[in-house]
């Protein structure tokens, strides 16, 4: 009877393990699966809407502001710091139109707290997320 119950122990866990950095290159292949968002750890809503990057900034007055970016180039320059600090916001750029200002700190990228992550980690995440955004030919 013990042998009959053994297959029950072999049932895989319901949640996939969090993606490792090595799996980043495999993401295009994940799109062929029924639910690529769950496999990549992206909220399901993100796959059904236009791509967007949600940044949560800590402002100099200690308040927070969420900015949703749907196009690039962002027009933002930042310091190599942790958390990343906005250095320059180019006039007329997408970042400028969304109200981003120099001195703001990036605390959150698409729901992930990056306030205590090293610069390299947050920069890589920003590059990966912004790469999914469509380019804007001209801005009004």
N, C-alpha and C. Protein backbone atom coordinates (compact mmCIF):
# COMPACT_ATOMS: atom_id res chain seq x y z
N UNK A 1 0.82 -1.20 0.00
CA UNK A 1 0.00 0.00 0.00
C UNK A 1 0.86 1.26 0.00
N UNK A 2 2.04 1.20 0.60
CA UNK A 2 2.91 2.36 0.62
C UNK A 2 3.31 2.76 -0.80
N UNK A 3 3.49 1.77 -1.68
CA UNK A 3 3.87 2.08 -3.06
C UNK A 3 2.75 2.82 -3.78
N UNK A 4 1.51 2.52 -3.46
CA UNK A 4 0.39 3.20 -4.12
C UNK A 4 0.35 4.68 -3.78
N UNK A 5 0.75 5.07 -2.57
CA UNK A 5 0.69 6.48 -2.18
C UNK A 5 1.93 7.26 -2.61
N UNK A 6 2.96 6.57 -3.05
CA UNK A 6 4.20 7.26 -3.44
C UNK A 6 4.01 8.28 -4.56
N UNK A 7 3.21 8.00 -5.62
CA UNK A 7 3.05 9.00 -6.69
C UNK A 7 2.51 10.33 -6.18
N UNK A 8 1.70 10.31 -5.12
CA UNK A 8 1.16 11.56 -4.58
C UNK A 8 2.28 12.48 -4.11
N UNK A 9 3.36 11.91 -3.63
CA UNK A 9 4.48 12.72 -3.14
C UNK A 9 5.24 13.38 -4.28
N UNK A 10 5.08 12.86 -5.49
CA UNK A 10 5.85 13.37 -6.63
C UNK A 10 5.15 14.52 -7.35
N UNK A 11 4.01 14.96 -6.84
CA UNK A 11 3.29 16.06 -7.49
C UNK A 11 4.14 17.33 -7.39
N UNK A 12 4.39 18.01 -8.52
CA UNK A 12 5.23 19.22 -8.46
C UNK A 12 4.52 20.33 -7.70
N UNK A 13 5.29 21.24 -7.10
CA UNK A 13 4.66 22.35 -6.37
C UNK A 13 3.86 23.22 -7.34
N UNK A 14 2.76 23.83 -6.89
CA UNK A 14 1.92 24.61 -7.79
C UNK A 14 2.58 25.88 -8.33
N UNK A 15 3.47 26.48 -7.56
CA UNK A 15 4.11 27.73 -8.00
C UNK A 15 5.47 27.44 -8.61
N UNK A 16 5.77 28.06 -9.75
CA UNK A 16 7.12 27.88 -10.32
C UNK A 16 8.13 28.61 -9.44
N UNK A 17 9.37 28.14 -9.42
CA UNK A 17 10.39 28.85 -8.64
C UNK A 17 10.63 30.23 -9.24
N UNK A 18 11.09 31.19 -8.44
CA UNK A 18 11.35 32.51 -9.01
C UNK A 18 12.41 32.41 -10.11
N UNK A 19 12.26 33.20 -11.18
CA UNK A 19 13.23 33.10 -12.27
C UNK A 19 14.64 33.50 -11.82
N UNK A 20 15.62 32.73 -12.27
CA UNK A 20 17.02 33.05 -11.98
C UNK A 20 17.53 33.95 -13.10
N UNK A 21 18.64 34.62 -12.84
CA UNK A 21 19.18 35.54 -13.85
C UNK A 21 19.49 34.80 -15.16
N UNK A 22 19.89 33.52 -15.05
CA UNK A 22 20.24 32.78 -16.25
C UNK A 22 19.02 32.59 -17.16
N UNK A 23 17.81 32.63 -16.59
CA UNK A 23 16.61 32.37 -17.38
C UNK A 23 16.18 33.58 -18.20
N UNK A 24 16.80 34.73 -18.01
CA UNK A 24 16.38 35.95 -18.70
C UNK A 24 16.41 35.74 -20.21
N UNK A 25 17.44 35.07 -20.72
CA UNK A 25 17.55 34.86 -22.16
C UNK A 25 16.46 33.93 -22.68
N UNK A 26 15.86 33.13 -21.82
CA UNK A 26 14.84 32.17 -22.26
C UNK A 26 13.45 32.80 -22.32
N UNK A 27 13.30 34.02 -21.86
CA UNK A 27 11.97 34.62 -21.81
C UNK A 27 11.24 34.67 -23.15
N UNK A 28 11.91 34.97 -24.27
CA UNK A 28 11.17 34.97 -25.53
C UNK A 28 10.50 33.61 -25.80
N UNK A 29 11.13 32.51 -25.38
CA UNK A 29 10.54 31.20 -25.59
C UNK A 29 9.33 30.99 -24.69
N UNK A 30 9.30 31.65 -23.55
CA UNK A 30 8.18 31.49 -22.63
C UNK A 30 6.88 31.98 -23.25
N UNK A 31 6.95 32.86 -24.24
CA UNK A 31 5.75 33.42 -24.84
C UNK A 31 4.93 32.34 -25.55
N UNK A 32 5.54 31.21 -25.86
CA UNK A 32 4.80 30.14 -26.53
C UNK A 32 3.96 29.34 -25.53
N UNK A 33 4.22 29.48 -24.24
CA UNK A 33 3.46 28.76 -23.23
C UNK A 33 2.13 29.46 -23.00
N UNK A 34 1.14 28.74 -22.45
CA UNK A 34 -0.18 29.32 -22.25
C UNK A 34 -0.17 30.57 -21.36
N UNK A 35 0.61 30.58 -20.30
CA UNK A 35 0.62 31.74 -19.42
C UNK A 35 2.05 32.19 -19.14
N UNK A 36 2.66 32.93 -20.08
CA UNK A 36 4.06 33.34 -19.90
C UNK A 36 4.24 34.27 -18.72
N UNK A 37 3.21 35.04 -18.38
CA UNK A 37 3.33 36.01 -17.29
C UNK A 37 3.60 35.30 -15.97
N UNK A 38 2.87 34.23 -15.71
CA UNK A 38 3.06 33.51 -14.45
C UNK A 38 4.48 32.92 -14.40
N UNK A 39 4.95 32.39 -15.52
CA UNK A 39 6.28 31.79 -15.55
C UNK A 39 7.37 32.83 -15.35
N UNK A 40 7.13 34.06 -15.86
CA UNK A 40 8.14 35.11 -15.75
C UNK A 40 7.96 35.96 -14.50
N UNK A 41 6.91 35.68 -13.73
CA UNK A 41 6.69 36.44 -12.50
C UNK A 41 6.09 37.81 -12.75
N UNK A 42 5.48 38.01 -13.92
CA UNK A 42 4.87 39.30 -14.25
C UNK A 42 3.37 39.22 -13.93
N UNK A 43 2.79 40.23 -13.33
CA UNK A 43 1.35 40.19 -13.07
C UNK A 43 0.58 39.95 -14.37
N UNK A 44 -0.48 39.15 -14.32
CA UNK A 44 -1.23 38.78 -15.52
C UNK A 44 -1.72 40.00 -16.29
N UNK A 45 -2.11 41.05 -15.61
CA UNK A 45 -2.63 42.24 -16.27
C UNK A 45 -1.60 42.86 -17.21
N UNK A 46 -0.33 42.71 -16.90
CA UNK A 46 0.72 43.34 -17.70
C UNK A 46 0.80 42.76 -19.11
N UNK A 47 0.36 41.51 -19.29
CA UNK A 47 0.46 40.90 -20.61
C UNK A 47 -0.72 41.27 -21.49
N UNK A 48 -1.83 41.71 -20.90
CA UNK A 48 -3.02 41.99 -21.68
C UNK A 48 -3.13 43.47 -22.05
N UNK A 49 -2.36 44.31 -21.40
CA UNK A 49 -2.39 45.74 -21.69
C UNK A 49 -1.12 46.11 -22.45
N UNK A 50 -1.01 47.39 -22.82
CA UNK A 50 0.23 47.85 -23.45
C UNK A 50 1.33 47.77 -22.41
N UNK A 51 2.58 47.53 -22.87
CA UNK A 51 3.67 47.46 -21.90
C UNK A 51 3.82 48.79 -21.17
N UNK A 52 4.14 48.71 -19.90
CA UNK A 52 4.36 49.93 -19.14
C UNK A 52 5.37 49.67 -18.04
N UNK A 53 5.98 50.75 -17.58
CA UNK A 53 6.92 50.67 -16.48
C UNK A 53 6.39 51.60 -15.39
N UNK A 54 6.18 51.04 -14.21
CA UNK A 54 5.68 51.83 -13.09
C UNK A 54 6.84 52.08 -12.13
N UNK A 55 7.19 53.36 -11.98
CA UNK A 55 8.26 53.75 -11.07
C UNK A 55 7.65 54.46 -9.88
N UNK A 56 8.11 54.11 -8.69
CA UNK A 56 7.66 54.80 -7.49
C UNK A 56 8.88 55.55 -6.95
N UNK A 57 8.76 56.87 -6.90
CA UNK A 57 9.86 57.73 -6.47
C UNK A 57 9.65 58.21 -5.05
N UNK A 58 10.76 58.36 -4.31
CA UNK A 58 10.73 59.05 -3.03
C UNK A 58 11.20 60.47 -3.32
N UNK A 59 10.38 61.43 -2.94
CA UNK A 59 10.67 62.84 -3.21
C UNK A 59 11.47 63.46 -2.06
N UNK A 60 12.11 64.61 -2.32
CA UNK A 60 12.90 65.26 -1.27
C UNK A 60 12.10 65.58 -0.01
N UNK A 61 10.78 65.76 -0.14
CA UNK A 61 9.97 66.07 1.06
C UNK A 61 9.49 64.80 1.78
N UNK A 62 10.10 63.64 1.43
CA UNK A 62 9.80 62.35 2.04
C UNK A 62 8.48 61.73 1.57
N UNK A 63 7.76 62.38 0.65
CA UNK A 63 6.54 61.79 0.12
C UNK A 63 6.92 60.87 -1.05
N UNK A 64 5.94 60.15 -1.57
CA UNK A 64 6.19 59.23 -2.68
C UNK A 64 5.29 59.59 -3.85
N UNK A 65 5.78 59.35 -5.07
CA UNK A 65 4.98 59.61 -6.26
C UNK A 65 5.17 58.46 -7.24
N UNK A 66 4.05 57.91 -7.74
CA UNK A 66 4.10 56.84 -8.71
C UNK A 66 3.97 57.43 -10.11
N UNK A 67 4.84 57.00 -11.02
CA UNK A 67 4.83 57.48 -12.39
C UNK A 67 4.73 56.26 -13.31
N UNK A 68 3.75 56.29 -14.22
CA UNK A 68 3.56 55.19 -15.17
C UNK A 68 4.10 55.63 -16.53
N UNK A 69 5.08 54.90 -17.02
CA UNK A 69 5.75 55.25 -18.29
C UNK A 69 5.37 54.21 -19.33
N UNK A 70 4.89 54.66 -20.51
CA UNK A 70 4.45 53.73 -21.55
C UNK A 70 5.26 53.84 -22.84
N UNK A 71 6.18 54.80 -22.90
CA UNK A 71 7.00 54.96 -24.11
C UNK A 71 8.42 55.31 -23.70
N UNK A 72 9.31 55.19 -24.66
CA UNK A 72 10.68 55.65 -24.45
C UNK A 72 11.10 56.44 -25.68
N UNK A 73 12.16 57.16 -25.69
CA UNK A 73 13.14 57.30 -24.60
C UNK A 73 12.58 58.11 -23.44
N UNK A 74 13.06 57.79 -22.25
CA UNK A 74 12.53 58.41 -21.04
C UNK A 74 13.02 59.84 -20.85
N UNK A 75 14.26 60.12 -21.31
CA UNK A 75 14.82 61.46 -21.14
C UNK A 75 15.29 61.72 -19.72
N UNK A 76 15.72 60.65 -19.04
CA UNK A 76 16.17 60.76 -17.65
C UNK A 76 17.63 60.38 -17.53
N UNK A 77 18.39 61.20 -16.83
CA UNK A 77 19.77 60.85 -16.48
C UNK A 77 19.79 60.69 -14.96
N UNK A 78 20.58 59.74 -14.49
CA UNK A 78 20.61 59.53 -13.05
C UNK A 78 22.02 59.26 -12.56
N UNK A 79 22.18 59.42 -11.25
CA UNK A 79 23.48 59.19 -10.62
C UNK A 79 23.64 57.70 -10.36
N UNK A 80 24.90 57.25 -10.36
CA UNK A 80 25.20 55.86 -10.01
C UNK A 80 25.13 55.74 -8.50
N UNK A 81 23.92 55.67 -7.98
CA UNK A 81 23.74 55.63 -6.53
C UNK A 81 22.70 54.57 -6.18
N UNK A 82 22.60 54.26 -4.91
CA UNK A 82 21.58 53.33 -4.44
C UNK A 82 20.91 53.95 -3.22
N UNK A 83 19.60 54.25 -3.28
CA UNK A 83 18.76 54.11 -4.47
C UNK A 83 19.17 55.09 -5.57
N UNK A 84 18.77 54.78 -6.80
CA UNK A 84 19.13 55.62 -7.95
C UNK A 84 18.46 56.99 -7.81
N UNK A 85 19.27 58.03 -8.00
CA UNK A 85 18.79 59.41 -7.87
C UNK A 85 18.77 60.07 -9.25
N UNK A 86 17.64 60.72 -9.57
CA UNK A 86 17.52 61.44 -10.85
C UNK A 86 18.48 62.63 -10.83
N UNK A 87 19.29 62.73 -11.90
CA UNK A 87 20.26 63.83 -12.01
C UNK A 87 19.72 64.93 -12.92
N UNK A 88 19.24 64.52 -14.11
CA UNK A 88 18.74 65.48 -15.10
C UNK A 88 17.48 64.93 -15.74
N UNK A 89 16.50 65.80 -15.94
CA UNK A 89 15.30 65.43 -16.69
C UNK A 89 15.29 66.34 -17.92
N UNK A 90 15.42 65.75 -19.10
CA UNK A 90 15.51 66.54 -20.33
C UNK A 90 14.19 67.23 -20.65
N UNK A 91 14.27 68.53 -20.95
CA UNK A 91 13.08 69.34 -21.24
C UNK A 91 12.31 68.76 -22.42
N UNK A 92 11.01 68.60 -22.27
CA UNK A 92 10.17 68.08 -23.35
C UNK A 92 10.17 66.57 -23.47
N UNK A 93 10.96 65.88 -22.64
CA UNK A 93 11.04 64.42 -22.73
C UNK A 93 9.82 63.78 -22.05
N UNK A 94 9.69 62.47 -22.21
CA UNK A 94 8.60 61.74 -21.57
C UNK A 94 8.67 61.91 -20.06
N UNK A 95 9.87 61.78 -19.49
CA UNK A 95 10.03 61.96 -18.05
C UNK A 95 9.60 63.36 -17.60
N UNK A 96 9.94 64.37 -18.40
CA UNK A 96 9.56 65.76 -18.09
C UNK A 96 8.04 65.91 -18.10
N UNK A 97 7.39 65.36 -19.14
CA UNK A 97 5.94 65.47 -19.25
C UNK A 97 5.21 64.76 -18.12
N UNK A 98 5.85 63.71 -17.56
CA UNK A 98 5.23 62.97 -16.47
C UNK A 98 5.54 63.63 -15.12
N UNK A 99 6.33 64.70 -15.15
CA UNK A 99 6.59 65.44 -13.92
C UNK A 99 7.77 64.97 -13.10
N UNK A 100 8.59 64.06 -13.66
CA UNK A 100 9.76 63.58 -12.92
C UNK A 100 10.73 64.74 -12.73
N UNK A 101 11.36 64.83 -11.56
CA UNK A 101 12.28 65.94 -11.27
C UNK A 101 13.61 65.42 -10.75
N UNK A 102 14.65 66.23 -10.97
CA UNK A 102 15.98 65.91 -10.44
C UNK A 102 15.88 65.82 -8.92
N UNK A 103 16.64 64.90 -8.34
CA UNK A 103 16.65 64.74 -6.89
C UNK A 103 15.71 63.65 -6.40
N UNK A 104 14.83 63.15 -7.29
CA UNK A 104 13.92 62.07 -6.90
C UNK A 104 14.69 60.75 -6.86
N UNK A 105 14.32 59.87 -5.94
CA UNK A 105 14.97 58.57 -5.78
C UNK A 105 14.02 57.46 -6.24
N UNK A 106 14.55 56.50 -7.02
CA UNK A 106 13.72 55.36 -7.45
C UNK A 106 13.69 54.34 -6.31
N UNK A 107 12.49 54.13 -5.77
CA UNK A 107 12.32 53.18 -4.67
C UNK A 107 11.66 51.88 -5.13
N UNK A 108 10.96 51.92 -6.26
CA UNK A 108 10.18 50.77 -6.67
C UNK A 108 10.07 50.73 -8.19
N UNK A 109 10.30 49.55 -8.78
CA UNK A 109 10.18 49.37 -10.23
C UNK A 109 9.19 48.24 -10.47
N UNK A 110 8.06 48.57 -11.10
CA UNK A 110 7.01 47.56 -11.39
C UNK A 110 6.68 46.70 -10.17
N UNK A 111 6.54 47.34 -9.01
CA UNK A 111 6.13 46.62 -7.81
C UNK A 111 7.26 45.99 -7.02
N UNK A 112 8.48 46.07 -7.54
CA UNK A 112 9.63 45.49 -6.82
C UNK A 112 10.38 46.59 -6.07
N UNK A 113 10.56 46.38 -4.77
CA UNK A 113 11.28 47.34 -3.94
C UNK A 113 12.77 47.26 -4.29
N UNK A 114 13.31 48.38 -4.81
CA UNK A 114 14.73 48.40 -5.19
C UNK A 114 15.51 49.41 -4.34
N UNK A 115 14.88 49.93 -3.28
CA UNK A 115 15.50 50.99 -2.48
C UNK A 115 16.80 50.55 -1.81
N UNK A 116 16.94 49.25 -1.54
CA UNK A 116 18.17 48.79 -0.89
C UNK A 116 19.01 47.92 -1.82
N UNK A 117 18.63 47.85 -3.09
CA UNK A 117 19.41 47.05 -4.06
C UNK A 117 20.61 47.86 -4.55
N UNK A 118 21.71 47.17 -4.92
CA UNK A 118 22.85 47.90 -5.48
C UNK A 118 22.48 48.56 -6.81
N UNK A 119 23.21 49.61 -7.17
CA UNK A 119 22.95 50.35 -8.41
C UNK A 119 22.87 49.41 -9.61
N UNK A 120 23.83 48.48 -9.73
CA UNK A 120 23.90 47.61 -10.91
C UNK A 120 22.62 46.80 -11.07
N UNK A 121 22.05 46.31 -9.96
CA UNK A 121 20.84 45.51 -10.02
C UNK A 121 19.67 46.36 -10.54
N UNK A 122 19.48 47.53 -9.94
CA UNK A 122 18.35 48.40 -10.32
C UNK A 122 18.52 48.88 -11.76
N UNK A 123 19.75 49.24 -12.16
CA UNK A 123 20.01 49.70 -13.52
C UNK A 123 19.65 48.61 -14.53
N UNK A 124 20.06 47.36 -14.24
CA UNK A 124 19.76 46.24 -15.13
C UNK A 124 18.25 46.04 -15.24
N UNK A 125 17.55 46.13 -14.10
CA UNK A 125 16.10 45.97 -14.10
C UNK A 125 15.43 47.08 -14.92
N UNK A 126 15.88 48.31 -14.74
CA UNK A 126 15.32 49.43 -15.50
C UNK A 126 15.54 49.23 -17.01
N UNK A 127 16.73 48.76 -17.39
CA UNK A 127 17.03 48.53 -18.81
C UNK A 127 16.11 47.45 -19.38
N UNK A 128 15.93 46.35 -18.62
CA UNK A 128 15.10 45.24 -19.11
C UNK A 128 13.65 45.67 -19.26
N UNK A 129 13.13 46.39 -18.25
CA UNK A 129 11.73 46.79 -18.28
C UNK A 129 11.50 47.85 -19.36
N UNK A 130 12.39 48.84 -19.44
CA UNK A 130 12.20 49.90 -20.44
C UNK A 130 12.38 49.40 -21.86
N UNK A 131 13.13 48.31 -22.05
CA UNK A 131 13.33 47.76 -23.39
C UNK A 131 12.02 47.25 -23.98
N UNK A 132 11.03 46.92 -23.14
CA UNK A 132 9.74 46.44 -23.63
C UNK A 132 8.83 47.59 -24.07
N UNK A 133 9.18 48.81 -23.71
CA UNK A 133 8.34 49.96 -24.06
C UNK A 133 8.55 50.35 -25.51
N UNK A 134 7.46 50.76 -26.19
CA UNK A 134 7.62 51.20 -27.58
C UNK A 134 8.34 52.55 -27.65
N UNK A 135 9.10 52.73 -28.73
CA UNK A 135 9.79 54.00 -28.95
C UNK A 135 8.78 55.04 -29.46
N UNK A 136 8.99 56.27 -29.06
CA UNK A 136 8.15 57.36 -29.54
C UNK A 136 8.93 58.10 -30.63
N UNK A 137 8.35 58.23 -31.80
CA UNK A 137 9.02 58.91 -32.91
C UNK A 137 9.21 60.39 -32.60
N UNK A 138 8.11 61.07 -32.29
CA UNK A 138 8.21 62.48 -31.97
C UNK A 138 7.27 62.77 -30.81
N UNK A 139 7.64 63.70 -29.96
CA UNK A 139 6.80 64.03 -28.82
C UNK A 139 6.20 65.42 -29.04
N UNK A 140 4.94 65.54 -28.66
CA UNK A 140 4.26 66.82 -28.85
C UNK A 140 4.52 67.75 -27.69
